[in-house]
PDB file of N, CA and C in Angstrom:
ATOM      1  N   MET A   1       5.336 -27.786  27.105  1.00  0.00           N
ATOM      2  CA  MET A   1       5.656 -27.095  27.978  1.00  0.00           C
ATOM      3  C   MET A   1       5.259 -25.351  27.211  1.00  0.00           C
ATOM      4  N   LYS A   2       4.456 -24.506  27.801  1.00  0.00           N
ATOM      5  CA  LYS A   2       4.259 -23.190  27.027  1.00  0.00           C
ATOM      6  C   LYS A   2       5.914 -22.369  27.159  1.00  0.00           C
ATOM      7  N   LEU A   3       6.174 -21.905  26.165  1.00  0.00           N
ATOM      8  CA  LEU A   3       7.262 -20.966  26.250  1.00  0.00           C
ATOM      9  C   LEU A   3       7.067 -19.953  27.123  1.00  0.00           C
ATOM     10  N   ASN A   4       6.150 -19.428  27.280  1.00  0.00           N
ATOM     11  CA  ASN A   4       5.961 -17.897  27.900  1.00  0.00           C
ATOM     12  C   ASN A   4       5.596 -18.153  29.277  1.00  0.00           C
ATOM     13  N   ALA A   5       5.531 -19.310  29.758  1.00  0.00           N
ATOM     14  CA  ALA A   5       5.290 -19.573  30.943  1.00  0.00           C
ATOM     15  C   ALA A   5       6.687 -20.219  31.733  1.00  0.00           C
ATOM     16  N   GLN A   6       7.795 -19.626  30.905  1.00  0.00           N
ATOM     17  CA  GLN A   6       9.241 -20.509  31.535  1.00  0.00           C
ATOM     18  C   GLN A   6       9.505 -19.027  32.380  1.00  0.00           C
ATOM     19  N   PRO A   7      10.468 -18.848  33.402  1.00  0.00           N
ATOM     20  CA  PRO A   7      10.525 -17.921  33.790  1.00  0.00           C
ATOM     21  C   PRO A   7      12.209 -17.393  33.651  1.00  0.00           C
ATOM     22  N   GLY A   8      12.141 -16.314  33.686  1.00  0.00           N
ATOM     23  CA  GLY A   8      13.567 -16.066  32.705  1.00  0.00           C
ATOM     24  C   GLY A   8      13.335 -14.861  31.502  1.00  0.00           C
ATOM     25  N   HIS A   9      12.364 -14.648  31.350  1.00  0.00           N
ATOM     26  CA  HIS A   9      11.802 -13.915  30.079  1.00  0.00           C
ATOM     27  C   HIS A   9      11.079 -12.943  30.625  1.00  0.00           C
ATOM     28  N   ALA A  10      11.436 -11.455  30.272  1.00  0.00           N
ATOM     29  CA  ALA A  10      10.675 -10.259  31.131  1.00  0.00           C
ATOM     30  C   ALA A  10       9.409 -10.512  30.000  1.00  0.00           C
ATOM     31  N   HIS A  11       9.391 -10.500  28.769  1.00  0.00           N
ATOM     32  CA  HIS A  11       8.557 -10.339  27.568  1.00  0.00           C
ATOM     33  C   HIS A  11       7.673 -11.612  27.225  1.00  0.00           C
ATOM     34  N   PRO A  12       6.814 -11.781  26.543  1.00  0.00           N
ATOM     35  CA  PRO A  12       6.321 -12.771  26.033  1.00  0.00           C
ATOM     36  C   PRO A  12       6.940 -13.209  24.653  1.00  0.00           C
ATOM     37  N   ILE A  13       7.589 -14.506  24.835  1.00  0.00           N
ATOM     38  CA  ILE A  13       8.210 -14.498  23.447  1.00  0.00           C
ATOM     39  C   ILE A  13       7.452 -14.924  22.199  1.00  0.00           C
ATOM     40  N   THR A  14       7.374 -14.182  20.954  1.00  0.00           N
ATOM     41  CA  THR A  14       7.178 -13.828  19.939  1.00  0.00           C
ATOM     42  C   THR A  14       7.769 -15.063  19.034  1.00  0.00           C
ATOM     43  N   PRO A  15       6.890 -15.492  18.251  1.00  0.00           N
ATOM     44  CA  PRO A  15       7.492 -16.251  17.017  1.00  0.00           C
ATOM     45  C   PRO A  15       8.960 -15.786  16.748  1.00  0.00           C
ATOM     46  N   GLN A  16       8.731 -14.429  15.789  1.00  0.00           N
ATOM     47  CA  GLN A  16      10.043 -13.998  15.589  1.00  0.00           C
ATOM     48  C   GLN A  16      11.022 -13.820  16.782  1.00  0.00           C
ATOM     49  N   TYR A  17      10.833 -13.795  17.862  1.00  0.00           N
ATOM     50  CA  TYR A  17      12.425 -14.094  18.891  1.00  0.00           C
ATOM     51  C   TYR A  17      12.527 -15.913  18.970  1.00  0.00           C
ATOM     52  N   TYR A  18      11.712 -16.190  18.968  1.00  0.00           N
ATOM     53  CA  TYR A  18      12.011 -17.651  18.915  1.00  0.00           C
ATOM     54  C   TYR A  18      12.884 -18.228  17.756  1.00  0.00           C
ATOM     55  N   LEU A  19      12.581 -17.945  16.963  1.00  0.00           N
ATOM     56  CA  LEU A  19      13.156 -18.488  15.459  1.00  0.00           C
ATOM     57  C   LEU A  19      14.284 -17.676  15.090  1.00  0.00           C
ATOM     58  N   ALA A  20      14.817 -16.404  16.052  1.00  0.00           N
ATOM     59  CA  ALA A  20      15.984 -15.744  15.821  1.00  0.00           C
ATOM     60  C   ALA A  20      16.794 -16.208  16.776  1.00  0.00           C
ATOM     61  N   GLU A  21      16.216 -16.609  18.346  1.00  0.00           N
ATOM     62  CA  GLU A  21      17.211 -16.339  19.351  1.00  0.00           C
ATOM     63  C   GLU A  21      17.026 -17.738  20.056  1.00  0.00           C
ATOM     64  N   LEU A  22      16.128 -18.977  20.000  1.00  0.00           N
ATOM     65  CA  LEU A  22      15.894 -19.643  20.650  1.00  0.00           C
ATOM     66  C   LEU A  22      16.235 -21.373  19.997  1.00  0.00           C
ATOM     67  N   ALA A  23      15.246 -21.202  18.772  1.00  0.00           N
ATOM     68  CA  ALA A  23      15.313 -22.403  17.946  1.00  0.00           C
ATOM     69  C   ALA A  23      17.031 -22.723  17.408  1.00  0.00           C
ATOM     70  N   SER A  24      16.827 -24.119  17.919  1.00  0.00           N
ATOM     71  CA  SER A  24      18.371 -24.909  16.857  1.00  0.00           C
ATOM     72  C   SER A  24      17.955 -24.860  15.490  1.00  0.00           C
ATOM     73  N   PRO A  25      19.028 -25.233  14.600  1.00  0.00           N
ATOM     74  CA  PRO A  25      18.709 -25.373  13.254  1.00  0.00           C
ATOM     75  C   PRO A  25      17.650 -26.433  13.054  1.00  0.00           C
ATOM     76  N   GLU A  26      17.814 -27.562  13.812  1.00  0.00           N
ATOM     77  CA  GLU A  26      16.795 -28.603  13.879  1.00  0.00           C
ATOM     78  C   GLU A  26      15.370 -28.317  13.813  1.00  0.00           C
ATOM     79  N   ASP A  27      14.883 -27.164  14.601  1.00  0.00           N
ATOM     80  CA  ASP A  27      13.943 -27.006  15.078  1.00  0.00           C
ATOM     81  C   ASP A  27      12.883 -25.998  13.825  1.00  0.00           C
ATOM     82  N   ILE A  28      14.040 -25.378  13.187  1.00  0.00           N
ATOM     83  CA  ILE A  28      13.683 -24.752  11.402  1.00  0.00           C
ATOM     84  C   ILE A  28      13.384 -25.152  10.317  1.00  0.00           C
ATOM     85  N   ILE A  29      14.204 -26.489  10.480  1.00  0.00           N
ATOM     86  CA  ILE A  29      13.783 -27.191   9.526  1.00  0.00           C
ATOM     87  C   ILE A  29      12.830 -27.475   8.872  1.00  0.00           C
ATOM     88  N   VAL A  30      12.177 -27.294   8.011  1.00  0.00           N
ATOM     89  CA  VAL A  30      10.776 -27.602   7.018  1.00  0.00           C
ATOM     90  C   VAL A  30      10.981 -28.527   5.766  1.00  0.00           C
ATOM     91  N   TYR A  31      10.337 -29.577   6.229  1.00  0.00           N
ATOM     92  CA  TYR A  31      10.099 -30.422   5.135  1.00  0.00           C
ATOM     93  C   TYR A  31       8.879 -30.590   4.119  1.00  0.00           C
ATOM     94  N   VAL A  32       8.675 -29.896   2.690  1.00  0.00           N
ATOM     95  CA  VAL A  32       7.425 -30.194   1.977  1.00  0.00           C
ATOM     96  C   VAL A  32       7.953 -31.004   0.641  1.00  0.00           C
ATOM     97  N   CYS A  33       6.683 -31.595  -0.056  1.00  0.00           N
ATOM     98  CA  CYS A  33       6.932 -32.308  -1.163  1.00  0.00           C
ATOM     99  C   CYS A  33       5.898 -31.371  -2.189  1.00  0.00           C
ATOM    100  N   GLU A  34       6.131 -31.901  -2.987  1.00  0.00           N
ATOM    101  CA  GLU A  34       4.751 -31.842  -3.902  1.00  0.00           C
ATOM    102  C   GLU A  34       3.300 -31.721  -3.729  1.00  0.00           C
ATOM    103  N   LYS A  35       2.933 -32.715  -3.269  1.00  0.00           N
ATOM    104  CA  LYS A  35       1.523 -32.830  -2.365  1.00  0.00           C
ATOM    105  C   LYS A  35       1.501 -31.940  -1.663  1.00  0.00           C
ATOM    106  N   ASP A  36       2.261 -31.327  -0.904  1.00  0.00           N
ATOM    107  CA  ASP A  36       1.862 -30.100   0.113  1.00  0.00           C
ATOM    108  C   ASP A  36       1.281 -28.961  -0.740  1.00  0.00           C
ATOM    109  N   PHE A  37       2.184 -28.952  -2.097  1.00  0.00           N
ATOM    110  CA  PHE A  37       1.754 -27.860  -2.298  1.00  0.00           C
ATOM    111  C   PHE A  37       0.414 -27.821  -3.636  1.00  0.00           C
ATOM    112  N   GLU A  38       0.171 -29.037  -3.769  1.00  0.00           N
ATOM    113  CA  GLU A  38      -1.423 -29.347  -4.298  1.00  0.00           C
ATOM    114  C   GLU A  38      -2.072 -29.480  -3.751  1.00  0.00           C
ATOM    115  N   ARG A  39      -1.759 -29.735  -2.437  1.00  0.00           N
ATOM    116  CA  ARG A  39      -3.269 -29.577  -1.168  1.00  0.00           C
ATOM    117  C   ARG A  39      -3.521 -28.007  -1.164  1.00  0.00           C
ATOM    118  N   ALA A  40      -1.975 -27.581  -1.041  1.00  0.00           N
ATOM    119  CA  ALA A  40      -2.437 -25.803  -1.033  1.00  0.00           C
ATOM    120  C   ALA A  40      -3.100 -25.446  -1.982  1.00  0.00           C
ATOM    121  N   LEU A  41      -2.746 -25.690  -3.486  1.00  0.00           N
ATOM    122  CA  LEU A  41      -3.370 -24.733  -4.356  1.00  0.00           C
ATOM    123  C   LEU A  41      -4.920 -25.252  -4.672  1.00  0.00           C
ATOM    124  N   GLU A  42      -5.284 -26.664  -4.328  1.00  0.00           N
ATOM    125  CA  GLU A  42      -6.687 -26.830  -3.794  1.00  0.00           C
ATOM    126  C   GLU A  42      -7.465 -26.096  -3.144  1.00  0.00           C
ATOM    127  N   THR A  43      -6.679 -25.121  -2.048  1.00  0.00           N
ATOM    128  CA  THR A  43      -7.946 -24.717  -1.063  1.00  0.00           C
ATOM    129  C   THR A  43      -7.327 -23.077  -1.320  1.00  0.00           C
ATOM    130  N   LEU A  44      -6.620 -22.579  -2.190  1.00  0.00           N
ATOM    131  CA  LEU A  44      -5.993 -21.197  -2.551  1.00  0.00           C
ATOM    132  C   LEU A  44      -7.655 -20.411  -2.860  1.00  0.00           C
ATOM    133  N   ILE A  45      -7.565 -19.387  -2.165  1.00  0.00           N
ATOM    134  CA  ILE A  45      -8.671 -18.582  -2.457  1.00  0.00           C
ATOM    135  C   ILE A  45      -8.277 -16.799  -3.271  1.00  0.00           C
ATOM    136  N   PRO A  46      -8.321 -16.643  -4.341  1.00  0.00           N
ATOM    137  CA  PRO A  46      -7.618 -15.624  -4.893  1.00  0.00           C
ATOM    138  C   PRO A  46      -7.578 -14.665  -4.011  1.00  0.00           C
ATOM    139  N   SER A  47      -6.868 -13.265  -4.434  1.00  0.00           N
ATOM    140  CA  SER A  47      -7.283 -12.139  -3.279  1.00  0.00           C
ATOM    141  C   SER A  47      -7.747 -11.072  -4.164  1.00  0.00           C
ATOM    142  N   VAL A  48      -7.949 -11.050  -5.574  1.00  0.00           N
ATOM    143  CA  VAL A  48      -8.300 -10.179  -6.582  1.00  0.00           C
ATOM    144  C   VAL A  48      -9.132 -10.834  -7.270  1.00  0.00           C
ATOM    145  N   SER A  49     -10.442 -10.422  -7.141  1.00  0.00           N
ATOM    146  CA  SER A  49     -11.759 -10.857  -7.941  1.00  0.00           C
ATOM    147  C   SER A  49     -11.235 -10.635  -9.522  1.00  0.00           C
ATOM    148  N   GLN A  50     -12.228 -11.383 -10.236  1.00  0.00           N
ATOM    149  CA  GLN A  50     -12.348 -11.609 -11.215  1.00  0.00           C
ATOM    150  C   GLN A  50     -13.010 -10.248 -11.828  1.00  0.00           C
ATOM    151  N   GLY A  51     -13.649  -9.431 -11.321  1.00  0.00           N
ATOM    152  CA  GLY A  51     -13.986  -7.846 -11.807  1.00  0.00           C
ATOM    153  C   GLY A  51     -13.082  -6.854 -11.618  1.00  0.00           C
ATOM    154  N   GLU A  52     -12.043  -7.394 -10.477  1.00  0.00           N
ATOM    155  CA  GLU A  52     -10.569  -6.468 -10.469  1.00  0.00           C
ATOM    156  C   GLU A  52      -9.872  -6.444 -11.620  1.00  0.00           C
ATOM    157  N   MET A  53      -9.660  -8.203 -11.896  1.00  0.00           N
ATOM    158  CA  MET A  53      -8.877  -8.546 -12.820  1.00  0.00           C
ATOM    159  C   MET A  53      -8.826  -7.760 -14.148  1.00  0.00           C
ATOM    160  N   GLU A  54     -10.234  -7.937 -14.695  1.00  0.00           N
ATOM    161  CA  GLU A  54     -10.801  -7.238 -15.854  1.00  0.00           C
ATOM    162  C   GLU A  54     -10.453  -5.627 -15.701  1.00  0.00           C
ATOM    163  N   HIS A  55     -10.942  -5.048 -14.861  1.00  0.00           N
ATOM    164  CA  HIS A  55     -10.297  -3.525 -14.213  1.00  0.00           C
ATOM    165  C   HIS A  55      -8.927  -3.126 -15.128  1.00  0.00           C
ATOM    166  N   TYR A  56      -7.869  -4.497 -13.735  1.00  0.00           N
ATOM    167  CA  TYR A  56      -6.628  -3.846 -14.191  1.00  0.00           C
ATOM    168  C   TYR A  56      -6.099  -4.325 -15.952  1.00  0.00           C
ATOM    169  N   ALA A  57      -6.969  -5.004 -16.253  1.00  0.00           N
ATOM    170  CA  ALA A  57      -6.810  -5.747 -17.882  1.00  0.00           C
ATOM    171  C   ALA A  57      -6.746  -4.299 -18.820  1.00  0.00           C
ATOM    172  N   GLN A  58      -7.956  -3.363 -18.583  1.00  0.00           N
ATOM    173  CA  GLN A  58      -8.029  -2.367 -18.997  1.00  0.00           C
ATOM    174  C   GLN A  58      -7.735  -1.109 -18.497  1.00  0.00           C
ATOM    175  N   VAL A  59      -7.417  -0.976 -17.800  1.00  0.00           N
ATOM    176  CA  VAL A  59      -6.057  -0.107 -17.564  1.00  0.00           C
ATOM    177  C   VAL A  59      -4.902  -0.023 -18.168  1.00  0.00           C
ATOM    178  N   GLN A  60      -4.736  -1.760 -18.312  1.00  0.00           N
ATOM    179  CA  GLN A  60      -3.782  -1.783 -18.461  1.00  0.00           C
ATOM    180  C   GLN A  60      -3.262  -1.565 -20.267  1.00  0.00           C
ATOM    181  N   ARG A  61      -4.671  -2.085 -20.937  1.00  0.00           N
ATOM    182  CA  ARG A  61      -4.688  -1.398 -22.879  1.00  0.00           C
ATOM    183  C   ARG A  61      -4.786  -0.187 -22.401  1.00  0.00           C
ATOM    184  N   ARG A  62      -5.353   0.434 -21.824  1.00  0.00           N
ATOM    185  CA  ARG A  62      -5.183   1.648 -22.108  1.00  0.00           C
ATOM    186  C   ARG A  62      -4.020   2.897 -21.935  1.00  0.00           C
ATOM    187  N   PHE A  63      -3.353   2.442 -21.004  1.00  0.00           N
ATOM    188  CA  PHE A  63      -2.056   3.131 -20.914  1.00  0.00           C
ATOM    189  C   PHE A  63      -1.195   2.877 -21.585  1.00  0.00           C
ATOM    190  N   SER A  64      -1.313   1.485 -22.327  1.00  0.00           N
ATOM    191  CA  SER A  64      -0.464   0.560 -23.349  1.00  0.00           C
ATOM    192  C   SER A  64      -0.295   1.367 -24.638  1.00  0.00           C
ATOM    193  N   ARG A  65      -1.875   1.749 -24.984  1.00  0.00           N
ATOM    194  CA  ARG A  65      -2.161   2.428 -26.090  1.00  0.00           C
ATOM    195  C   ARG A  65      -1.532   3.601 -26.231  1.00  0.00           C
ATOM    196  N   ASN A  66      -1.335   4.686 -24.744  1.00  0.00           N
ATOM    197  CA  ASN A  66      -1.161   5.669 -24.956  1.00  0.00           C
ATOM    198  C   ASN A  66       0.336   6.192 -24.353  1.00  0.00           C
ATOM    199  N   SER A  67       1.109   5.352 -24.771  1.00  0.00           N
ATOM    200  CA  SER A  67       2.714   5.562 -24.073  1.00  0.00           C
ATOM    201  C   SER A  67       3.162   6.965 -24.304  1.00  0.00           C
ATOM    202  N   ILE A  68       3.955   7.285 -23.794  1.00  0.00           N
ATOM    203  CA  ILE A  68       4.738   8.562 -24.214  1.00  0.00           C
ATOM    204  C   ILE A  68       5.931   7.763 -24.603  1.00  0.00           C
ATOM    205  N   SER A  69       6.307   8.704 -26.050  1.00  0.00           N
ATOM    206  CA  SER A  69       7.896   8.687 -26.738  1.00  0.00           C
ATOM    207  C   SER A  69       8.113   9.501 -26.025  1.00  0.00           C
ATOM    208  N   MET A  70       9.727   9.101 -25.854  1.00  0.00           N
ATOM    209  CA  MET A  70      10.916   9.898 -25.099  1.00  0.00           C
ATOM    210  C   MET A  70      12.152  10.431 -26.491  1.00  0.00           C
TER     211      MET A  70
END
């Protein structure tokens, strides 16, 4: 059954509303194991490229060398 098809709700039910107001404690229990994390790690795509990482390392070296003494 679709939640938004149920009468009695003036607005569409968002995931946030469902989890905060409608879901029972049993509905929100999530079971994960080590294999789930391993599987996720296999498909992980870095959000920062190697070139950007090198740039940030260069900036860090530059500012670490020129630190301000107080």
